[in-house]
Amino acid sequence: MQTTPEKPVEVEFCLQCGPGTGLRPRGDGSQLRCPRCGWVRLVPLRPLFVVIGASGAGKTTIVPALARKLVGCEVFDVDLTLHIAALGWDAWRATWLQIAHGIAQNGRSTVLCGTITPDQLETLPTRQLVGPIHSCLLDCPDDVLVERLRARPPWRGTDEDFVARQLGFAAWLRDHIEPSFSSYACEPATVVDQVAAWVTSGWIDGSAARLIRSPRRATGRESASHPFARMGPTVRSWARKALSRQTVFP
């Protein structure tokens, strides 16, 4: 018996109307609105930073030091979730936008280090969950890239075809992504400082500064009237007790 396929669940749906009704951006994108009932959800549009480079450019190498340097960000090697690519490359990329969205709800921005390009993110349904996307290139000379790739252990599967594809990708990136930072001309610590300075400049330019500004604090009357107003102290009390017992169970 032939059945009618179910309508896919929207990435962000209305909690009043259900999974079949997707929310749509409103105004500057900081709100998602239900087209049916008008329910609105606020979106913390923090900027997303992407450090792009061909395989072997040094992206993974700088992640730990960059994470220590950028105390206001969460820094990730995108290969951390590479197993999700089994569901499709777009599913993998969309997952990183959802992670960045979740981190933004905690008041922090996200820095991704990997081979994801801006155009691959712009067309995803989850693009509406993050603020402006800034990208920079981590690069090195072709002969250095080849040397690094050929020095990888056999299990990485770095054959000559892979090397040739990465050289082509590196050439494309040089034509399309800026600014560019060299992982060969400078010591790793210097590269980290340069990338960190670039991220910081993204925070304080006109648009990014507006997007990461702390939200308006509710007045005493608004806070007292909110149905969840008394939950904060309760959750904090439970968290302190849980940590003191070194357990996560209430």
Protein backbone atom coordinates (compact mmCIF):
# COMPACT_ATOMS: atom_id res chain seq x y z
CA MET A 1 0.00 0.00 0.00
CA GLN A 2 1.41 3.37 -1.02
CA THR A 3 1.54 5.97 1.73
CA THR A 4 1.89 9.73 1.56
CA PRO A 5 5.29 10.81 2.91
CA GLU A 6 5.13 12.85 6.08
CA LYS A 7 5.92 16.54 5.91
CA PRO A 8 9.43 17.07 7.33
CA VAL A 9 9.73 18.74 10.69
CA GLU A 10 10.88 22.35 10.43
CA VAL A 11 14.26 23.24 11.93
CA GLU A 12 12.65 25.85 14.19
CA PHE A 13 8.93 25.38 14.66
CA CYS A 14 6.12 27.06 16.57
CA LEU A 15 5.56 25.61 20.04
CA GLN A 16 1.89 26.56 19.77
CA CYS A 17 1.10 25.22 16.28
CA GLY A 18 3.47 22.24 16.26
CA PRO A 19 6.39 20.80 14.23
CA GLY A 20 4.69 21.33 10.87
CA THR A 21 4.72 25.13 11.19
CA GLY A 22 8.15 26.67 10.76
CA LEU A 23 9.15 30.01 12.21
CA ARG A 24 10.19 32.76 9.82
CA PRO A 25 12.73 35.58 10.37
CA ARG A 26 11.29 38.97 11.24
CA GLY A 27 12.89 42.39 10.95
CA ASP A 28 16.66 42.19 11.47
CA GLY A 29 16.44 38.42 12.11
CA SER A 30 16.62 38.67 15.89
CA GLN A 31 13.06 37.36 16.04
CA LEU A 32 11.47 34.28 14.50
CA ARG A 33 7.71 34.56 14.03
CA CYS A 34 5.03 31.94 13.43
CA PRO A 35 3.12 32.79 10.23
CA ARG A 36 -0.04 31.19 11.62
CA CYS A 37 -0.50 32.36 15.20
CA GLY A 38 2.07 35.16 15.47
CA TRP A 39 4.09 33.52 18.28
CA VAL A 40 7.56 35.07 18.45
CA ARG A 41 10.86 33.57 19.56
CA LEU A 42 13.92 35.73 20.22
CA VAL A 43 17.21 34.73 18.58
CA PRO A 44 20.59 35.82 20.04
CA LEU A 45 22.36 36.74 16.80
CA ARG A 46 25.98 36.41 17.85
CA PRO A 47 28.54 36.50 15.04
CA LEU A 48 30.01 33.21 13.83
CA PHE A 49 33.72 33.08 12.89
CA VAL A 50 35.09 30.47 10.49
CA VAL A 51 38.82 29.82 10.09
CA ILE A 52 39.10 28.05 6.73
CA GLY A 53 42.02 26.28 5.14
CA ALA A 54 42.92 23.27 3.06
CA SER A 55 43.81 20.05 4.84
CA GLY A 56 47.32 20.46 6.23
CA ALA A 57 47.12 24.25 6.56
CA GLY A 58 47.39 24.06 10.36
CA LYS A 59 43.80 24.60 11.51
CA THR A 60 43.72 21.76 14.04
CA THR A 61 47.13 22.81 15.39
CA ILE A 62 45.96 26.26 16.48
CA VAL A 63 42.62 25.22 18.06
CA PRO A 64 43.83 24.61 21.68
CA ALA A 65 45.85 27.83 21.91
CA LEU A 66 43.13 29.84 20.16
CA ALA A 67 40.55 28.52 22.62
CA ARG A 68 42.70 29.68 25.53
CA LYS A 69 43.21 33.07 23.92
CA LEU A 70 39.56 33.80 23.12
CA VAL A 71 37.95 33.69 26.53
CA GLY A 72 34.66 35.02 25.12
CA CYS A 73 34.30 32.29 22.49
CA GLU A 74 34.01 28.57 22.08
CA VAL A 75 36.53 27.28 19.53
CA PHE A 76 36.03 23.99 17.67
CA ASP A 77 37.75 21.80 15.11
CA VAL A 78 34.80 20.96 12.85
CA ASP A 79 36.06 17.38 12.43
CA LEU A 80 34.81 16.81 15.98
CA THR A 81 31.38 15.97 14.55
CA LEU A 82 32.50 14.45 11.27
CA HIS A 83 30.52 11.26 11.99
CA ILE A 84 27.35 13.28 11.39
CA ALA A 85 28.41 13.64 7.74
CA ALA A 86 27.09 10.09 7.30
CA LEU A 87 23.68 11.79 7.21
CA GLY A 88 24.87 14.16 4.48
CA TRP A 89 27.28 17.08 4.31
CA ASP A 90 24.51 19.66 4.67
CA ALA A 91 23.28 17.89 7.82
CA TRP A 92 26.81 18.12 9.21
CA ARG A 93 27.15 21.81 8.41
CA ALA A 94 23.65 22.58 9.72
CA THR A 95 24.57 20.86 12.98
CA TRP A 96 27.42 23.32 13.51
CA LEU A 97 25.04 26.25 13.01
CA GLN A 98 22.71 24.75 15.60
CA ILE A 99 25.63 24.30 18.00
CA ALA A 100 26.65 27.94 17.45
CA HIS A 101 23.05 28.96 18.14
CA GLY A 102 23.02 27.03 21.41
CA ILE A 103 26.31 28.60 22.47
CA ALA A 104 24.95 32.07 21.63
CA GLN A 105 22.13 31.45 24.09
CA ASN A 106 24.84 31.29 26.76
CA GLY A 107 26.15 34.69 25.68
CA ARG A 108 29.19 33.44 23.75
CA SER A 109 30.28 33.39 20.11
CA THR A 110 31.59 30.42 18.17
CA VAL A 111 34.79 29.98 16.15
CA LEU A 112 34.89 27.03 13.74
CA CYS A 113 38.19 25.79 12.30
CA GLY A 114 37.79 23.59 9.25
CA THR A 115 36.99 23.27 5.56
CA ILE A 116 33.49 24.79 5.69
CA THR A 117 33.12 27.74 3.31
CA PRO A 118 30.66 30.64 3.79
CA ASP A 119 28.60 29.80 0.69
CA GLN A 120 28.00 26.30 2.07
CA LEU A 121 26.38 27.84 5.18
CA GLU A 122 24.36 30.65 3.62
CA THR A 123 21.80 28.37 1.92
CA LEU A 124 21.05 26.16 4.94
CA PRO A 125 17.70 26.47 6.80
CA THR A 126 19.65 26.83 10.07
CA ARG A 127 21.43 29.94 8.73
CA GLN A 128 18.70 32.05 10.37
CA LEU A 129 19.89 30.91 13.81
CA VAL A 130 23.20 32.81 13.80
CA GLY A 131 24.33 36.37 13.20
CA PRO A 132 26.83 37.57 10.58
CA ILE A 133 29.36 34.98 9.42
CA HIS A 134 32.98 36.16 9.24
CA SER A 135 35.65 34.03 7.56
CA CYS A 136 39.42 34.12 7.27
CA LEU A 137 41.98 31.90 5.56
CA LEU A 138 44.77 29.93 7.19
CA ASP A 139 47.30 29.20 4.45
CA CYS A 140 50.80 28.01 3.62
CA PRO A 141 52.86 27.63 0.42
CA ASP A 142 51.92 24.72 -1.86
CA ASP A 143 55.22 22.88 -1.35
CA VAL A 144 54.79 23.07 2.43
CA LEU A 145 51.21 21.83 2.14
CA VAL A 146 52.32 18.85 0.05
CA GLU A 147 55.10 18.02 2.52
CA ARG A 148 52.70 18.14 5.46
CA LEU A 149 50.08 15.98 3.75
CA ARG A 150 52.58 13.34 2.63
CA ALA A 151 53.97 13.14 6.17
CA ARG A 152 50.61 12.06 7.57
CA PRO A 153 50.23 8.47 8.82
CA PRO A 154 48.84 5.90 6.34
CA TRP A 155 45.47 5.60 8.12
CA ARG A 156 44.64 9.17 7.04
CA GLY A 157 44.34 7.95 3.45
CA THR A 158 46.34 10.83 2.02
CA ASP A 159 47.05 9.59 -1.51
CA GLU A 160 48.25 11.72 -4.43
CA ASP A 161 44.71 12.34 -5.64
CA PHE A 162 43.81 13.79 -2.23
CA VAL A 163 46.93 15.98 -2.27
CA ALA A 164 46.03 17.31 -5.73
CA ARG A 165 42.48 18.13 -4.62
CA GLN A 166 43.74 20.01 -1.58
CA LEU A 167 46.12 22.04 -3.73
CA GLY A 168 43.19 23.00 -5.94
CA PHE A 169 41.07 23.86 -2.90
CA ALA A 170 43.87 26.00 -1.46
CA ALA A 171 44.14 27.91 -4.75
CA TRP A 172 40.37 28.52 -4.77
CA LEU A 173 40.44 29.75 -1.17
CA ARG A 174 43.20 32.26 -1.93
CA ASP A 175 40.97 33.80 -4.60
CA HIS A 176 37.82 33.93 -2.49
CA ILE A 177 38.63 34.23 1.23
CA GLU A 178 40.26 37.13 3.05
CA PRO A 179 41.97 38.09 5.27
CA SER A 180 44.68 35.45 5.06
CA PHE A 181 47.14 34.32 7.74
CA SER A 182 50.22 32.20 7.07
CA SER A 183 50.89 29.15 9.22
CA TYR A 184 54.36 28.89 7.66
CA ALA A 185 55.79 32.41 7.80
CA CYS A 186 55.07 32.82 11.52
CA GLU A 187 55.42 30.82 14.71
CA PRO A 188 52.18 29.12 15.86
CA ALA A 189 51.81 31.55 18.78
CA THR A 190 51.98 34.50 16.40
CA VAL A 191 49.37 32.97 14.10
CA VAL A 192 47.09 32.47 17.09
CA ASP A 193 47.53 36.11 18.09
CA GLN A 194 46.71 37.24 14.55
CA VAL A 195 43.56 35.12 14.29
CA ALA A 196 42.45 36.17 17.78
CA ALA A 197 42.87 39.84 16.83
CA TRP A 198 40.77 39.26 13.72
CA VAL A 199 37.99 37.66 15.78
CA THR A 200 38.09 40.53 18.26
CA SER A 201 37.76 43.06 15.44
CA GLY A 202 34.62 41.19 14.35
CA TRP A 203 33.15 41.70 17.82
CA ILE A 204 33.63 45.45 17.87
CA ASP A 205 32.68 46.53 14.36
CA GLY A 206 29.35 48.34 14.07
CA SER A 207 27.07 45.43 13.25
CA ALA A 208 28.73 42.83 15.48
CA ALA A 209 28.84 45.19 18.45
CA ARG A 210 25.09 45.68 18.17
CA LEU A 211 24.46 41.97 17.91
CA ILE A 212 26.48 40.96 20.93
CA ARG A 213 25.29 43.72 23.22
CA SER A 214 23.83 42.43 26.49
CA PRO A 215 20.02 42.26 26.36
CA ARG A 216 17.93 44.78 28.30
CA ARG A 217 17.40 43.66 31.86
CA ALA A 218 13.80 43.20 32.91
CA THR A 219 12.36 45.58 35.49
CA GLY A 220 11.41 44.30 38.91
CA ARG A 221 7.75 44.29 37.95
CA GLU A 222 8.39 42.35 34.73
CA SER A 223 10.57 39.82 36.51
CA ALA A 224 8.09 39.26 39.30
CA SER A 225 5.22 38.75 36.87
CA HIS A 226 7.05 36.25 34.65
CA PRO A 227 5.82 32.65 35.20
CA PHE A 228 9.40 31.38 35.46
CA ALA A 229 10.65 34.21 37.68
CA ARG A 230 11.31 31.98 40.68
CA MET A 231 13.01 29.17 38.79
CA GLY A 232 16.46 30.81 38.62
CA PRO A 233 17.25 30.66 42.36
CA THR A 234 15.89 27.10 42.53
CA VAL A 235 18.08 25.92 39.65
CA ARG A 236 21.15 27.66 41.08
CA SER A 237 20.55 26.03 44.46
CA TRP A 238 20.18 22.59 42.86
CA ALA A 239 23.35 23.12 40.76
CA ARG A 240 25.42 24.04 43.82
CA LYS A 241 24.21 20.97 45.71
CA ALA A 242 24.83 18.72 42.72
CA LEU A 243 28.36 20.01 42.28
CA SER A 244 29.11 19.55 45.95
CA ARG A 245 28.02 15.90 45.64
CA GLN A 246 29.85 15.56 42.28
CA THR A 247 26.70 14.28 40.67
CA VAL A 248 24.27 15.66 38.14
CA PHE A 249 21.15 14.13 39.65
CA PRO A 250 18.76 16.26 41.73
